[in-house]
Amino acid sequence: MCAHVCVPMCLCVCVCVSMCVCVSYRVLIFSQFKIMLDVLEDWLKACDWKFERIDGDTPQQDRQKKIDAFQNGEQTQVHLVHEPTML
């Protein structure tokens, strides 16, 4: 993905996530690109927000636990999901 496209897109996502988290919504973000999830993860850490990430590096036995935690509203505000892992 080109840098000139990625930066505005990431800023837009960050603003939308900020607005949702501020009103206590939970956010689920799917991406085809792990690099985009890396950027968002760094930003979420800087904001000190609780999040989970599911990608190809997530052990199979942990994936369902993370999904259940999100569905049950447990402390996690944002979930980052790499789309190919959901196939």
C-alpha atoms as a PDB file:
ATOM      1  CA  MET A   1       0.000   0.000   0.000  1.00  0.00           C
ATOM      2  CA  CYS A   2       1.385   3.409  -0.920  1.00  0.00           C
ATOM      3  CA  ALA A   3       2.362   5.710   1.944  1.00  0.00           C
ATOM      4  CA  HIS A   4       0.353   8.631   0.553  1.00  0.00           C
ATOM      5  CA  VAL A   5      -2.807   6.474   0.726  1.00  0.00           C
ATOM      6  CA  CYS A   6      -2.061   4.761   4.035  1.00  0.00           C
ATOM      7  CA  VAL A   7      -1.565   7.887   6.172  1.00  0.00           C
ATOM      8  CA  PRO A   8      -4.922   9.592   5.464  1.00  0.00           C
ATOM      9  CA  MET A   9      -6.745   6.269   5.671  1.00  0.00           C
ATOM     10  CA  CYS A  10      -5.140   5.478   9.024  1.00  0.00           C
ATOM     11  CA  LEU A  11      -5.972   8.942  10.355  1.00  0.00           C
ATOM     12  CA  CYS A  12      -9.588   8.508   9.299  1.00  0.00           C
ATOM     13  CA  VAL A  13      -9.794   5.107  11.019  1.00  0.00           C
ATOM     14  CA  CYS A  14      -8.154   6.499  14.159  1.00  0.00           C
ATOM     15  CA  VAL A  15     -10.655   9.376  14.363  1.00  0.00           C
ATOM     16  CA  CYS A  16     -13.610   7.017  13.883  1.00  0.00           C
ATOM     17  CA  VAL A  17     -12.271   4.596  16.515  1.00  0.00           C
ATOM     18  CA  SER A  18     -11.689   7.483  18.936  1.00  0.00           C
ATOM     19  CA  MET A  19     -15.274   8.659  18.550  1.00  0.00           C
ATOM     20  CA  CYS A  20     -16.673   5.159  19.059  1.00  0.00           C
ATOM     21  CA  VAL A  21     -14.532   4.347  22.094  1.00  0.00           C
ATOM     22  CA  CYS A  22     -15.377   7.683  23.732  1.00  0.00           C
ATOM     23  CA  VAL A  23     -19.068   6.755  23.731  1.00  0.00           C
ATOM     24  CA  SER A  24     -18.328   3.204  24.978  1.00  0.00           C
ATOM     25  CA  TYR A  25     -18.865   1.384  21.693  1.00  0.00           C
ATOM     26  CA  ARG A  26     -16.742  -1.633  20.909  1.00  0.00           C
ATOM     27  CA  VAL A  27     -14.974  -1.620  17.553  1.00  0.00           C
ATOM     28  CA  LEU A  28     -14.110  -4.469  15.221  1.00  0.00           C
ATOM     29  CA  ILE A  29     -11.586  -3.674  12.468  1.00  0.00           C
ATOM     30  CA  PHE A  30     -10.875  -6.081   9.629  1.00  0.00           C
ATOM     31  CA  SER A  31      -7.891  -5.594   7.344  1.00  0.00           C
ATOM     32  CA  GLN A  32      -6.382  -7.565   4.483  1.00  0.00           C
ATOM     33  CA  PHE A  33      -2.997  -6.071   5.327  1.00  0.00           C
ATOM     34  CA  LYS A  34      -1.079  -6.985   8.481  1.00  0.00           C
ATOM     35  CA  ILE A  35       0.996  -3.813   8.112  1.00  0.00           C
ATOM     36  CA  MET A  36      -2.159  -1.720   8.579  1.00  0.00           C
ATOM     37  CA  LEU A  37      -2.928  -3.666  11.752  1.00  0.00           C
ATOM     38  CA  ASP A  38       0.655  -3.000  12.927  1.00  0.00           C
ATOM     39  CA  VAL A  39       0.121   0.753  12.499  1.00  0.00           C
ATOM     40  CA  LEU A  40      -3.245   0.652  14.280  1.00  0.00           C
ATOM     41  CA  GLU A  41      -1.807  -1.489  17.067  1.00  0.00           C
ATOM     42  CA  ASP A  42       0.950   1.064  17.711  1.00  0.00           C
ATOM     43  CA  TRP A  43      -1.637   3.836  17.808  1.00  0.00           C
ATOM     44  CA  LEU A  44      -3.918   1.896  20.202  1.00  0.00           C
ATOM     45  CA  LYS A  45      -0.979   1.246  22.523  1.00  0.00           C
ATOM     46  CA  ALA A  46      -0.116   4.955  22.493  1.00  0.00           C
ATOM     47  CA  CYS A  47      -3.735   5.760  23.414  1.00  0.00           C
ATOM     48  CA  ASP A  48      -3.587   3.142  26.197  1.00  0.00           C
ATOM     49  CA  TRP A  49      -6.754   1.420  24.953  1.00  0.00           C
ATOM     50  CA  LYS A  50      -7.432  -2.236  25.543  1.00  0.00           C
ATOM     51  CA  PHE A  51      -7.460  -4.227  22.338  1.00  0.00           C
ATOM     52  CA  GLU A  52      -7.002  -7.713  20.972  1.00  0.00           C
ATOM     53  CA  ARG A  53      -5.505  -8.787  17.689  1.00  0.00           C
ATOM     54  CA  ILE A  54      -6.206 -11.929  15.720  1.00  0.00           C
ATOM     55  CA  ASP A  55      -3.890 -12.716  12.825  1.00  0.00           C
ATOM     56  CA  GLY A  56      -1.925 -15.641  11.426  1.00  0.00           C
ATOM     57  CA  ASP A  57       0.451 -15.512  14.410  1.00  0.00           C
ATOM     58  CA  THR A  58      -2.389 -16.007  16.924  1.00  0.00           C
ATOM     59  CA  PRO A  59      -2.458 -19.641  18.111  1.00  0.00           C
ATOM     60  CA  GLN A  60      -5.627 -21.443  17.024  1.00  0.00           C
ATOM     61  CA  GLN A  61      -6.665 -22.215  20.624  1.00  0.00           C
ATOM     62  CA  ASP A  62      -6.463 -18.494  21.558  1.00  0.00           C
ATOM     63  CA  ARG A  63      -8.605 -17.234  18.685  1.00  0.00           C
ATOM     64  CA  GLN A  64     -11.936 -18.416  20.070  1.00  0.00           C
ATOM     65  CA  LYS A  65     -11.083 -17.054  23.536  1.00  0.00           C
ATOM     66  CA  LYS A  66     -10.439 -13.613  22.038  1.00  0.00           C
ATOM     67  CA  ILE A  67     -13.651 -13.743  20.003  1.00  0.00           C
ATOM     68  CA  ASP A  68     -15.670 -14.786  23.061  1.00  0.00           C
ATOM     69  CA  ALA A  69     -14.123 -12.007  25.161  1.00  0.00           C
ATOM     70  CA  PHE A  70     -15.155  -9.432  22.559  1.00  0.00           C
ATOM     71  CA  GLN A  71     -18.687 -10.811  22.236  1.00  0.00           C
ATOM     72  CA  ASN A  72     -19.125 -10.878  26.020  1.00  0.00           C
ATOM     73  CA  GLY A  73     -18.036  -7.251  26.346  1.00  0.00           C
ATOM     74  CA  GLU A  74     -14.998  -8.041  28.484  1.00  0.00           C
ATOM     75  CA  GLN A  75     -12.726  -5.003  28.923  1.00  0.00           C
ATOM     76  CA  THR A  76     -11.618  -5.021  25.275  1.00  0.00           C
ATOM     77  CA  GLN A  77     -12.617  -1.915  23.345  1.00  0.00           C
ATOM     78  CA  VAL A  78     -11.117  -2.744  19.956  1.00  0.00           C
ATOM     79  CA  HIS A  79     -10.432  -5.940  18.035  1.00  0.00           C
ATOM     80  CA  LEU A  80      -8.043  -6.007  15.102  1.00  0.00           C
ATOM     81  CA  VAL A  81      -8.588  -8.909  12.718  1.00  0.00           C
ATOM     82  CA  HIS A  82      -6.485  -9.958   9.749  1.00  0.00           C
ATOM     83  CA  GLU A  83      -9.108 -11.162   7.246  1.00  0.00           C
ATOM     84  CA  PRO A  84      -7.216 -14.200   5.875  1.00  0.00           C
ATOM     85  CA  THR A  85      -7.222 -15.761   9.356  1.00  0.00           C
ATOM     86  CA  MET A  86     -11.018 -15.865   9.320  1.00  0.00           C
ATOM     87  CA  LEU A  87     -11.192 -18.180   6.281  1.00  0.00           C
END
